[in-house]
Amino acid sequence: MHVAMHNWMRAEPIEVTIARLGKSGYDAIEISGEPEKYDTKHVRKLMTDHGITCWGSVTLMLGERNLLASQPAARAMSVKYVKDTITMVKDLGGQEVTIVPCTVGKLVPEASPDEEWKWAVASLKECYEHGMKEGVRLAIEPLNRFETYFLNRHDQAVLLAEQVGPTCGVCLDCFHMNIEEQDMFAAIKATGSRLNDFHVADNNRMACGMGALDWKRIIDTLKSVGYDGALTVEFVAPLDRTPANPYTNMLAAETADMTPEERKFMIDHGTGDLSNEFYTWLVDETIKTLRKNM
């Protein structure tokens, strides 16, 4: 196993993110699914300069992106977006793309369960075929019920992956599992060889080690099923604007430069403008916890 980290949780230049990850001892990045934003040759050089690699990417299902949308044009646009993300990962030397099939934050279905399942399978099969051609694995990620109505548990994601293709996999996330799974350790074991990615944050979505999760047991369980991929860090620190805030350096002095859509995404995830000092501290605390238990 190795340690990677997302970059969608903080609006900053990729140069800053990659330099921080290298300095903090991370092995890889699971880069935001923004294929139109990144010059892959430039990003590869940055990674080489700072001693990290690309593990993969995660789709950012914003706006109208939805692999099970009721409108064929919306599904086609979403499939193209995922395919472009897969190609970006190939160009970065990565191995996997984690896919959230439905728009994040969408809680109302557009059609019947049978129709939506059929559309999800068909869309993902097209993405899967492109991934096979590019040498990039897929990992379908369930989220908690407050972020999607479609997939919330490992068994749902495993069934969908089985219907998509023999090597289509699943991504599990400790934060979501802590809400939705009866037993997260049993969920890891049941997912087994389909586990293609694993996202980590503590139960409160703070840095690993700053909550109630048993990181040694989690990592030992991953080892027991033969998982040898990334532990991809995805903490999302909540903003505390009250006098009870224990972190005097949490809030940024200036507002980060984000598009309205990006800012809404951050707000919907309960975070926002954290100071560089505080964010870097969380990055460091997380990898200390993970390395200690690996």
C-alpha atoms as a PDB file:
ATOM      1  CA  MET A   1       0.000   0.000   0.000  1.00  0.00           C
ATOM      2  CA  HIS A   2       0.976   3.611  -0.489  1.00  0.00           C
ATOM      3  CA  VAL A   3      -0.462   7.013   0.462  1.00  0.00           C
ATOM      4  CA  ALA A   4      -2.076   9.374  -2.032  1.00  0.00           C
ATOM      5  CA  MET A   5      -4.223  12.471  -1.636  1.00  0.00           C
ATOM      6  CA  HIS A   6      -6.986  14.278  -3.480  1.00  0.00           C
ATOM      7  CA  ASN A   7      -6.699  17.949  -4.353  1.00  0.00           C
ATOM      8  CA  TRP A   8     -10.351  18.893  -4.885  1.00  0.00           C
ATOM      9  CA  MET A   9     -10.735  19.901  -1.213  1.00  0.00           C
ATOM     10  CA  ARG A  10      -8.608  23.044  -1.628  1.00  0.00           C
ATOM     11  CA  ALA A  11      -8.671  25.710  -4.332  1.00  0.00           C
ATOM     12  CA  GLU A  12      -5.011  26.343  -5.106  1.00  0.00           C
ATOM     13  CA  PRO A  13      -2.591  25.958  -8.033  1.00  0.00           C
ATOM     14  CA  ILE A  14      -1.566  22.372  -8.752  1.00  0.00           C
ATOM     15  CA  GLU A  15       2.056  23.462  -8.319  1.00  0.00           C
ATOM     16  CA  VAL A  16       1.362  24.304  -4.668  1.00  0.00           C
ATOM     17  CA  THR A  17      -0.493  21.040  -4.037  1.00  0.00           C
ATOM     18  CA  ILE A  18       2.168  18.795  -5.539  1.00  0.00           C
ATOM     19  CA  ALA A  19       4.989  20.603  -3.740  1.00  0.00           C
ATOM     20  CA  ARG A  20       3.159  20.162  -0.407  1.00  0.00           C
ATOM     21  CA  LEU A  21       2.552  16.462  -1.013  1.00  0.00           C
ATOM     22  CA  GLY A  22       6.195  15.872  -1.865  1.00  0.00           C
ATOM     23  CA  LYS A  23       7.408  17.782   1.174  1.00  0.00           C
ATOM     24  CA  SER A  24       4.990  15.937   3.480  1.00  0.00           C
ATOM     25  CA  GLY A  25       6.125  12.505   2.281  1.00  0.00           C
ATOM     26  CA  TYR A  26       3.150  11.415   0.191  1.00  0.00           C
ATOM     27  CA  ASP A  27       3.649   8.883  -2.574  1.00  0.00           C
ATOM     28  CA  ALA A  28       1.001   9.974  -5.052  1.00  0.00           C
ATOM     29  CA  ILE A  29      -1.904  12.203  -5.979  1.00  0.00           C
ATOM     30  CA  GLU A  30      -5.434  11.219  -6.971  1.00  0.00           C
ATOM     31  CA  ILE A  31      -5.980  14.301  -9.057  1.00  0.00           C
ATOM     32  CA  SER A  32      -9.314  16.065  -9.510  1.00  0.00           C
ATOM     33  CA  GLY A  33     -11.249  14.997 -12.586  1.00  0.00           C
ATOM     34  CA  GLU A  34     -10.660  18.215 -14.477  1.00  0.00           C
ATOM     35  CA  PRO A  35      -9.171  17.124 -17.826  1.00  0.00           C
ATOM     36  CA  GLU A  36      -9.657  20.552 -19.423  1.00  0.00           C
ATOM     37  CA  LYS A  37      -7.756  22.268 -16.616  1.00  0.00           C
ATOM     38  CA  TYR A  38      -4.456  20.374 -16.517  1.00  0.00           C
ATOM     39  CA  ASP A  39      -1.518  20.344 -18.904  1.00  0.00           C
ATOM     40  CA  THR A  40      -0.539  16.717 -18.361  1.00  0.00           C
ATOM     41  CA  LYS A  41       3.077  17.196 -19.507  1.00  0.00           C
ATOM     42  CA  HIS A  42       3.490  20.030 -17.012  1.00  0.00           C
ATOM     43  CA  VAL A  43       1.841  18.031 -14.210  1.00  0.00           C
ATOM     44  CA  ARG A  44       4.042  14.984 -14.920  1.00  0.00           C
ATOM     45  CA  LYS A  45       7.148  17.150 -14.638  1.00  0.00           C
ATOM     46  CA  LEU A  46       5.888  18.614 -11.364  1.00  0.00           C
ATOM     47  CA  MET A  47       5.314  15.123  -9.972  1.00  0.00           C
ATOM     48  CA  THR A  48       8.771  13.985 -11.041  1.00  0.00           C
ATOM     49  CA  ASP A  49      10.380  17.090  -9.521  1.00  0.00           C
ATOM     50  CA  HIS A  50       8.680  16.459  -6.176  1.00  0.00           C
ATOM     51  CA  GLY A  51       9.032  12.673  -6.069  1.00  0.00           C
ATOM     52  CA  ILE A  52       5.384  11.645  -6.364  1.00  0.00           C
ATOM     53  CA  THR A  53       3.323   9.782  -8.954  1.00  0.00           C
ATOM     54  CA  CYS A  54      -0.275   9.878 -10.166  1.00  0.00           C
ATOM     55  CA  TRP A  55      -2.373   7.137  -8.582  1.00  0.00           C
ATOM     56  CA  GLY A  56      -5.461   8.163 -10.540  1.00  0.00           C
ATOM     57  CA  SER A  57      -8.343  10.605 -10.527  1.00  0.00           C
ATOM     58  CA  VAL A  58     -11.814  11.072  -9.108  1.00  0.00           C
ATOM     59  CA  THR A  59     -14.762  12.365 -11.107  1.00  0.00           C
ATOM     60  CA  LEU A  60     -16.250  15.677  -9.999  1.00  0.00           C
ATOM     61  CA  MET A  61     -19.936  15.126 -10.711  1.00  0.00           C
ATOM     62  CA  LEU A  62     -21.011  18.764 -10.739  1.00  0.00           C
ATOM     63  CA  GLY A  63     -23.728  20.603 -12.625  1.00  0.00           C
ATOM     64  CA  GLU A  64     -25.382  18.366 -15.208  1.00  0.00           C
ATOM     65  CA  ARG A  65     -22.863  15.514 -15.010  1.00  0.00           C
ATOM     66  CA  ASN A  66     -24.893  12.387 -14.335  1.00  0.00           C
ATOM     67  CA  LEU A  67     -24.364   8.927 -15.867  1.00  0.00           C
ATOM     68  CA  LEU A  68     -27.983   8.002 -15.134  1.00  0.00           C
ATOM     69  CA  ALA A  69     -29.675  11.205 -16.262  1.00  0.00           C
ATOM     70  CA  SER A  70     -33.070  10.799 -17.880  1.00  0.00           C
ATOM     71  CA  GLN A  71     -32.004  12.790 -20.950  1.00  0.00           C
ATOM     72  CA  PRO A  72     -29.775  10.903 -23.434  1.00  0.00           C
ATOM     73  CA  ALA A  73     -27.792  14.065 -24.250  1.00  0.00           C
ATOM     74  CA  ALA A  74     -26.924  14.562 -20.570  1.00  0.00           C
ATOM     75  CA  ARG A  75     -25.773  10.931 -20.280  1.00  0.00           C
ATOM     76  CA  ALA A  76     -23.673  11.248 -23.432  1.00  0.00           C
ATOM     77  CA  MET A  77     -22.031  14.429 -22.126  1.00  0.00           C
ATOM     78  CA  SER A  78     -21.292  12.723 -18.816  1.00  0.00           C
ATOM     79  CA  VAL A  79     -19.804   9.646 -20.495  1.00  0.00           C
ATOM     80  CA  LYS A  80     -17.543  11.871 -22.588  1.00  0.00           C
ATOM     81  CA  TYR A  81     -16.420  13.676 -19.423  1.00  0.00           C
ATOM     82  CA  VAL A  82     -15.504  10.382 -17.728  1.00  0.00           C
ATOM     83  CA  LYS A  83     -13.699   9.175 -20.848  1.00  0.00           C
ATOM     84  CA  ASP A  84     -11.705  12.414 -20.978  1.00  0.00           C
ATOM     85  CA  THR A  85     -10.783  11.928 -17.323  1.00  0.00           C
ATOM     86  CA  ILE A  86      -9.638   8.370 -18.054  1.00  0.00           C
ATOM     87  CA  THR A  87      -7.427   9.628 -20.886  1.00  0.00           C
ATOM     88  CA  MET A  88      -5.977  12.306 -18.605  1.00  0.00           C
ATOM     89  CA  VAL A  89      -5.043   9.613 -16.079  1.00  0.00           C
ATOM     90  CA  LYS A  90      -3.372   7.538 -18.775  1.00  0.00           C
ATOM     91  CA  ASP A  91      -1.379  10.599 -19.869  1.00  0.00           C
ATOM     92  CA  LEU A  92      -0.308  11.174 -16.251  1.00  0.00           C
ATOM     93  CA  GLY A  93       0.818   7.563 -15.840  1.00  0.00           C
ATOM     94  CA  GLY A  94      -2.005   6.761 -13.420  1.00  0.00           C
ATOM     95  CA  GLN A  95      -3.811   3.495 -12.795  1.00  0.00           C
ATOM     96  CA  GLU A  96      -7.442   4.141 -11.869  1.00  0.00           C
ATOM     97  CA  VAL A  97     -10.407   6.483 -12.056  1.00  0.00           C
ATOM     98  CA  THR A  98     -12.900   6.578  -9.219  1.00  0.00           C
ATOM     99  CA  ILE A  99     -16.398   7.277 -10.508  1.00  0.00           C
ATOM    100  CA  VAL A 100     -19.380   8.664  -8.643  1.00  0.00           C
ATOM    101  CA  PRO A 101     -22.150   7.787 -11.136  1.00  0.00           C
ATOM    102  CA  CYS A 102     -24.746  10.411 -10.150  1.00  0.00           C
ATOM    103  CA  THR A 103     -24.523  14.178  -9.587  1.00  0.00           C
ATOM    104  CA  VAL A 104     -23.174  14.857  -6.080  1.00  0.00           C
ATOM    105  CA  GLY A 105     -25.876  16.492  -3.970  1.00  0.00           C
ATOM    106  CA  LYS A 106     -28.701  15.200  -6.150  1.00  0.00           C
ATOM    107  CA  LEU A 107     -31.238  13.552  -3.863  1.00  0.00           C
ATOM    108  CA  VAL A 108     -34.315  13.241  -6.116  1.00  0.00           C
ATOM    109  CA  PRO A 109     -34.481  10.547  -8.831  1.00  0.00           C
ATOM    110  CA  GLU A 110     -35.453  11.401 -12.411  1.00  0.00           C
ATOM    111  CA  ALA A 111     -36.920   8.034 -13.400  1.00  0.00           C
ATOM    112  CA  SER A 112     -37.825   4.577 -12.104  1.00  0.00           C
ATOM    113  CA  PRO A 113     -35.211   2.461 -10.302  1.00  0.00           C
ATOM    114  CA  ASP A 114     -35.069  -0.005 -13.219  1.00  0.00           C
ATOM    115  CA  GLU A 115     -34.552   2.743 -15.790  1.00  0.00           C
ATOM    116  CA  GLU A 116     -31.829   4.465 -13.794  1.00  0.00           C
ATOM    117  CA  TRP A 117     -29.991   1.195 -13.162  1.00  0.00           C
ATOM    118  CA  LYS A 118     -30.127   0.348 -16.871  1.00  0.00           C
ATOM    119  CA  TRP A 119     -28.766   3.778 -17.822  1.00  0.00           C
ATOM    120  CA  ALA A 120     -26.012   3.583 -15.192  1.00  0.00           C
ATOM    121  CA  VAL A 121     -24.871   0.162 -16.433  1.00  0.00           C
ATOM    122  CA  ALA A 122     -24.901   1.262 -20.077  1.00  0.00           C
ATOM    123  CA  SER A 123     -22.998   4.486 -19.372  1.00  0.00           C
ATOM    124  CA  LEU A 124     -20.421   2.767 -17.209  1.00  0.00           C
ATOM    125  CA  LYS A 125     -19.908  -0.023 -19.760  1.00  0.00           C
ATOM    126  CA  GLU A 126     -18.929   2.614 -22.310  1.00  0.00           C
ATOM    127  CA  CYS A 127     -16.523   4.182 -19.814  1.00  0.00           C
ATOM    128  CA  TYR A 128     -15.197   0.740 -18.876  1.00  0.00           C
ATOM    129  CA  GLU A 129     -14.413  -0.146 -22.479  1.00  0.00           C
ATOM    130  CA  HIS A 130     -12.486   3.106 -22.859  1.00  0.00           C
ATOM    131  CA  GLY A 131     -10.643   2.390 -19.608  1.00  0.00           C
ATOM    132  CA  MET A 132      -9.675  -1.072 -20.841  1.00  0.00           C
ATOM    133  CA  LYS A 133      -8.297   0.466 -24.034  1.00  0.00           C
ATOM    134  CA  GLU A 134      -6.309   3.068 -22.091  1.00  0.00           C
ATOM    135  CA  GLY A 135      -5.092   0.673 -19.387  1.00  0.00           C
ATOM    136  CA  VAL A 136      -6.967   2.460 -16.587  1.00  0.00           C
ATOM    137  CA  ARG A 137      -9.159   0.610 -14.052  1.00  0.00           C
ATOM    138  CA  LEU A 138     -12.518   1.930 -12.869  1.00  0.00           C
ATOM    139  CA  ALA A 139     -13.669   2.119  -9.247  1.00  0.00           C
ATOM    140  CA  ILE A 140     -17.334   2.890  -8.546  1.00  0.00           C
ATOM    141  CA  GLU A 141     -17.783   4.832  -5.304  1.00  0.00           C
ATOM    142  CA  PRO A 142     -20.888   4.820  -3.090  1.00  0.00           C
ATOM    143  CA  LEU A 143     -21.513   8.001  -1.087  1.00  0.00           C
ATOM    144  CA  ASN A 144     -23.639   8.650   1.982  1.00  0.00           C
ATOM    145  CA  ARG A 145     -27.379   9.297   1.720  1.00  0.00           C
ATOM    146  CA  PHE A 146     -26.941  13.059   2.188  1.00  0.00           C
ATOM    147  CA  GLU A 147     -24.849  13.312  -1.005  1.00  0.00           C
ATOM    148  CA  THR A 148     -26.637  10.870  -3.320  1.00  0.00           C
ATOM    149  CA  TYR A 149     -29.743   8.714  -3.437  1.00  0.00           C
ATOM    150  CA  PHE A 150     -28.257   6.241  -5.931  1.00  0.00           C
ATOM    151  CA  LEU A 151     -25.388   4.256  -4.358  1.00  0.00           C
ATOM    152  CA  ASN A 152     -24.800   4.314  -0.602  1.00  0.00           C
ATOM    153  CA  ARG A 153     -23.381   0.874   0.297  1.00  0.00           C
ATOM    154  CA  HIS A 154     -20.666  -1.504  -0.844  1.00  0.00           C
ATOM    155  CA  ASP A 155     -23.088  -4.231  -1.967  1.00  0.00           C
ATOM    156  CA  GLN A 156     -24.845  -1.832  -4.338  1.00  0.00           C
ATOM    157  CA  ALA A 157     -21.519  -0.745  -5.840  1.00  0.00           C
ATOM    158  CA  VAL A 158     -20.258  -4.334  -6.145  1.00  0.00           C
ATOM    159  CA  LEU A 159     -23.434  -5.414  -7.962  1.00  0.00           C
ATOM    160  CA  LEU A 160     -23.128  -2.481 -10.370  1.00  0.00           C
ATOM    161  CA  ALA A 161     -19.444  -3.243 -10.997  1.00  0.00           C
ATOM    162  CA  GLU A 162     -20.243  -6.908 -11.682  1.00  0.00           C
ATOM    163  CA  GLN A 163     -22.770  -5.898 -14.324  1.00  0.00           C
ATOM    164  CA  VAL A 164     -20.331  -3.476 -15.960  1.00  0.00           C
ATOM    165  CA  GLY A 165     -17.339  -5.759 -16.459  1.00  0.00           C
ATOM    166  CA  PRO A 166     -15.005  -8.429 -15.027  1.00  0.00           C
ATOM    167  CA  THR A 167     -12.356  -5.975 -13.814  1.00  0.00           C
ATOM    168  CA  CYS A 168     -14.626  -3.056 -13.005  1.00  0.00           C
ATOM    169  CA  GLY A 169     -14.012  -2.288  -9.341  1.00  0.00           C
ATOM    170  CA  VAL A 170     -15.261  -0.395  -6.331  1.00  0.00           C
ATOM    171  CA  CYS A 171     -13.890   2.454  -4.241  1.00  0.00           C
ATOM    172  CA  LEU A 172     -14.773   2.455  -0.554  1.00  0.00           C
ATOM    173  CA  ASP A 173     -14.526   5.535   1.645  1.00  0.00           C
ATOM    174  CA  CYS A 174     -14.230   5.345   5.446  1.00  0.00           C
ATOM    175  CA  PHE A 175     -16.305   8.470   6.008  1.00  0.00           C
ATOM    176  CA  HIS A 176     -19.238   7.229   3.935  1.00  0.00           C
ATOM    177  CA  MET A 177     -18.950   3.668   5.266  1.00  0.00           C
ATOM    178  CA  ASN A 178     -19.082   4.935   8.845  1.00  0.00           C
ATOM    179  CA  ILE A 179     -22.515   6.396   8.055  1.00  0.00           C
ATOM    180  CA  GLU A 180     -24.002   3.725   5.807  1.00  0.00           C
ATOM    181  CA  GLU A 181     -22.447   0.317   6.493  1.00  0.00           C
ATOM    182  CA  GLN A 182     -23.590  -1.982   9.280  1.00  0.00           C
ATOM    183  CA  ASP A 183     -19.972  -3.143   9.615  1.00  0.00           C
ATOM    184  CA  MET A 184     -17.251  -1.386   7.615  1.00  0.00           C
ATOM    185  CA  PHE A 185     -14.782  -4.218   8.139  1.00  0.00           C
ATOM    186  CA  ALA A 186     -17.263  -6.760   6.777  1.00  0.00           C
ATOM    187  CA  ALA A 187     -17.880  -4.379   3.851  1.00  0.00           C
ATOM    188  CA  ILE A 188     -14.166  -4.327   3.009  1.00  0.00           C
ATOM    189  CA  LYS A 189     -13.998  -8.130   3.163  1.00  0.00           C
ATOM    190  CA  ALA A 190     -17.134  -8.566   1.045  1.00  0.00           C
ATOM    191  CA  THR A 191     -15.814  -6.191  -1.610  1.00  0.00           C
ATOM    192  CA  GLY A 192     -12.604  -8.217  -1.717  1.00  0.00           C
ATOM    193  CA  SER A 193     -10.854  -8.345  -5.080  1.00  0.00           C
ATOM    194  CA  ARG A 194     -13.214  -5.716  -6.525  1.00  0.00           C
ATOM    195  CA  LEU A 195     -11.595  -3.079  -4.295  1.00  0.00           C
ATOM    196  CA  ASN A 196      -9.692  -0.803  -6.690  1.00  0.00           C
ATOM    197  CA  ASP A 197      -9.368   2.310  -4.504  1.00  0.00           C
ATOM    198  CA  PHE A 198      -9.786   3.303  -0.857  1.00  0.00           C
ATOM    199  CA  HIS A 199     -10.469   6.817   0.446  1.00  0.00           C
ATOM    200  CA  VAL A 200      -9.557   7.808   3.980  1.00  0.00           C
ATOM    201  CA  ALA A 201     -10.690  10.439   6.474  1.00  0.00           C
ATOM    202  CA  ASP A 202     -11.807  10.030  10.049  1.00  0.00           C
ATOM    203  CA  ASN A 203     -15.433   9.582  11.106  1.00  0.00           C
ATOM    204  CA  ASN A 204     -15.810  13.370  11.469  1.00  0.00           C
ATOM    205  CA  ARG A 205     -14.088  13.813   8.060  1.00  0.00           C
ATOM    206  CA  MET A 206     -11.130  15.426   9.744  1.00  0.00           C
ATOM    207  CA  ALA A 207      -7.559  14.194   9.303  1.00  0.00           C
ATOM    208  CA  CYS A 208      -6.965  10.513  10.031  1.00  0.00           C
ATOM    209  CA  GLY A 209      -6.307  10.142  13.747  1.00  0.00           C
ATOM    210  CA  MET A 210      -8.497  13.102  14.727  1.00  0.00           C
ATOM    211  CA  GLY A 211     -11.655  11.054  15.193  1.00  0.00           C
ATOM    212  CA  ALA A 212     -12.888   7.685  16.429  1.00  0.00           C
ATOM    213  CA  LEU A 213     -11.853   5.269  13.653  1.00  0.00           C
ATOM    214  CA  ASP A 214      -9.467   2.375  14.353  1.00  0.00           C
ATOM    215  CA  TRP A 215      -6.824   2.891  11.681  1.00  0.00           C
ATOM    216  CA  LYS A 216      -4.771  -0.194  12.518  1.00  0.00           C
ATOM    217  CA  ARG A 217      -7.818  -2.427  12.189  1.00  0.00           C
ATOM    218  CA  ILE A 218      -8.867  -0.734   8.943  1.00  0.00           C
ATOM    219  CA  ILE A 219      -5.428  -1.137   7.369  1.00  0.00           C
ATOM    220  CA  ASP A 220      -5.031  -4.693   8.658  1.00  0.00           C
ATOM    221  CA  THR A 221      -8.419  -5.562   7.118  1.00  0.00           C
ATOM    222  CA  LEU A 222      -7.327  -4.085   3.794  1.00  0.00           C
ATOM    223  CA  LYS A 223      -4.177  -6.216   3.921  1.00  0.00           C
ATOM    224  CA  SER A 224      -6.260  -9.308   4.686  1.00  0.00           C
ATOM    225  CA  VAL A 225      -8.166  -8.968   1.372  1.00  0.00           C
ATOM    226  CA  GLY A 226      -4.962  -8.364  -0.575  1.00  0.00           C
ATOM    227  CA  TYR A 227      -5.520  -4.675  -1.224  1.00  0.00           C
ATOM    228  CA  ASP A 228      -2.236  -3.120  -2.329  1.00  0.00           C
ATOM    229  CA  GLY A 229      -3.354   0.193  -3.792  1.00  0.00           C
ATOM    230  CA  ALA A 230      -3.509   3.695  -2.395  1.00  0.00           C
ATOM    231  CA  LEU A 231      -4.921   5.010   0.829  1.00  0.00           C
ATOM    232  CA  THR A 232      -6.207   8.212  -0.733  1.00  0.00           C
ATOM    233  CA  VAL A 233      -6.627  11.027   1.766  1.00  0.00           C
ATOM    234  CA  GLU A 234      -9.897  12.952   1.514  1.00  0.00           C
ATOM    235  CA  PHE A 235     -10.395  14.890   4.725  1.00  0.00           C
ATOM    236  CA  VAL A 236     -12.851  17.789   4.502  1.00  0.00           C
ATOM    237  CA  ALA A 237     -12.358  19.992   7.543  1.00  0.00           C
ATOM    238  CA  PRO A 238     -15.501  21.873   8.610  1.00  0.00           C
ATOM    239  CA  LEU A 239     -15.257  25.607   9.166  1.00  0.00           C
ATOM    240  CA  ASP A 240     -15.758  26.584  12.797  1.00  0.00           C
ATOM    241  CA  ARG A 241     -16.690  30.263  13.108  1.00  0.00           C
ATOM    242  CA  THR A 242     -17.724  30.017  16.749  1.00  0.00           C
ATOM    243  CA  PRO A 243     -15.786  30.959  19.907  1.00  0.00           C
ATOM    244  CA  ALA A 244     -15.528  27.205  20.577  1.00  0.00           C
ATOM    245  CA  ASN A 245     -13.110  26.752  17.664  1.00  0.00           C
ATOM    246  CA  PRO A 246      -9.981  25.099  19.151  1.00  0.00           C
ATOM    247  CA  TYR A 247      -7.842  26.032  16.119  1.00  0.00           C
ATOM    248  CA  THR A 248      -6.954  29.708  16.088  1.00  0.00           C
ATOM    249  CA  ASN A 249      -5.250  29.359  12.706  1.00  0.00           C
ATOM    250  CA  MET A 250      -8.130  27.582  10.918  1.00  0.00           C
ATOM    251  CA  LEU A 251      -9.658  30.424   8.923  1.00  0.00           C
ATOM    252  CA  ALA A 252      -7.934  31.978   5.922  1.00  0.00           C
ATOM    253  CA  ALA A 253      -7.363  35.719   5.960  1.00  0.00           C
ATOM    254  CA  GLU A 254      -8.375  35.994   2.294  1.00  0.00           C
ATOM    255  CA  THR A 255     -11.067  34.296   0.232  1.00  0.00           C
ATOM    256  CA  ALA A 256      -9.782  31.664  -2.195  1.00  0.00           C
ATOM    257  CA  ASP A 257     -10.268  32.171  -5.922  1.00  0.00           C
ATOM    258  CA  MET A 258     -12.994  29.699  -6.932  1.00  0.00           C
ATOM    259  CA  THR A 259     -15.668  29.580  -9.591  1.00  0.00           C
ATOM    260  CA  PRO A 260     -19.246  29.823  -8.243  1.00  0.00           C
ATOM    261  CA  GLU A 261     -19.713  26.112  -9.014  1.00  0.00           C
ATOM    262  CA  GLU A 262     -16.519  25.168  -7.168  1.00  0.00           C
ATOM    263  CA  ARG A 263     -17.482  27.311  -4.175  1.00  0.00           C
ATOM    264  CA  LYS A 264     -20.942  25.740  -4.015  1.00  0.00           C
ATOM    265  CA  PHE A 265     -19.320  22.279  -4.118  1.00  0.00           C
ATOM    266  CA  MET A 266     -17.086  23.210  -1.166  1.00  0.00           C
ATOM    267  CA  ILE A 267     -19.968  24.707   0.807  1.00  0.00           C
ATOM    268  CA  ASP A 268     -22.120  21.644   0.120  1.00  0.00           C
ATOM    269  CA  HIS A 269     -19.300  19.554   1.624  1.00  0.00           C
ATOM    270  CA  GLY A 270     -19.220  21.690   4.769  1.00  0.00           C
ATOM    271  CA  THR A 271     -15.848  23.344   4.199  1.00  0.00           C
ATOM    272  CA  GLY A 272     -14.410  26.492   2.665  1.00  0.00           C
ATOM    273  CA  ASP A 273     -11.527  28.910   3.085  1.00  0.00           C
ATOM    274  CA  LEU A 274      -9.049  27.193   5.405  1.00  0.00           C
ATOM    275  CA  SER A 275      -5.674  28.795   6.035  1.00  0.00           C
ATOM    276  CA  ASN A 276      -2.650  27.269   4.342  1.00  0.00           C
ATOM    277  CA  GLU A 277      -1.035  26.688   7.738  1.00  0.00           C
ATOM    278  CA  PHE A 278      -4.028  24.754   9.087  1.00  0.00           C
ATOM    279  CA  TYR A 279      -4.556  22.729   5.906  1.00  0.00           C
ATOM    280  CA  THR A 280      -0.877  21.754   5.732  1.00  0.00           C
ATOM    281  CA  TRP A 281      -1.016  20.647   9.373  1.00  0.00           C
ATOM    282  CA  LEU A 282      -3.937  18.330   8.562  1.00  0.00           C
ATOM    283  CA  VAL A 283      -1.988  16.919   5.606  1.00  0.00           C
ATOM    284  CA  ASP A 284       0.964  16.181   7.905  1.00  0.00           C
ATOM    285  CA  GLU A 285      -1.113  14.733  10.747  1.00  0.00           C
ATOM    286  CA  THR A 286      -2.891  12.378   8.361  1.00  0.00           C
ATOM    287  CA  ILE A 287       0.223  10.815   6.898  1.00  0.00           C
ATOM    288  CA  LYS A 288       1.748  10.388  10.357  1.00  0.00           C
ATOM    289  CA  THR A 289      -1.297   8.360  11.414  1.00  0.00           C
ATOM    290  CA  LEU A 290      -1.359   6.257   8.256  1.00  0.00           C
ATOM    291  CA  ARG A 291       2.384   5.499   8.181  1.00  0.00           C
ATOM    292  CA  LYS A 292       2.264   4.462  11.827  1.00  0.00           C
ATOM    293  CA  ASN A 293      -0.397   1.866  11.081  1.00  0.00           C
ATOM    294  CA  MET A 294       0.689   0.570   7.666  1.00  0.00           C
END
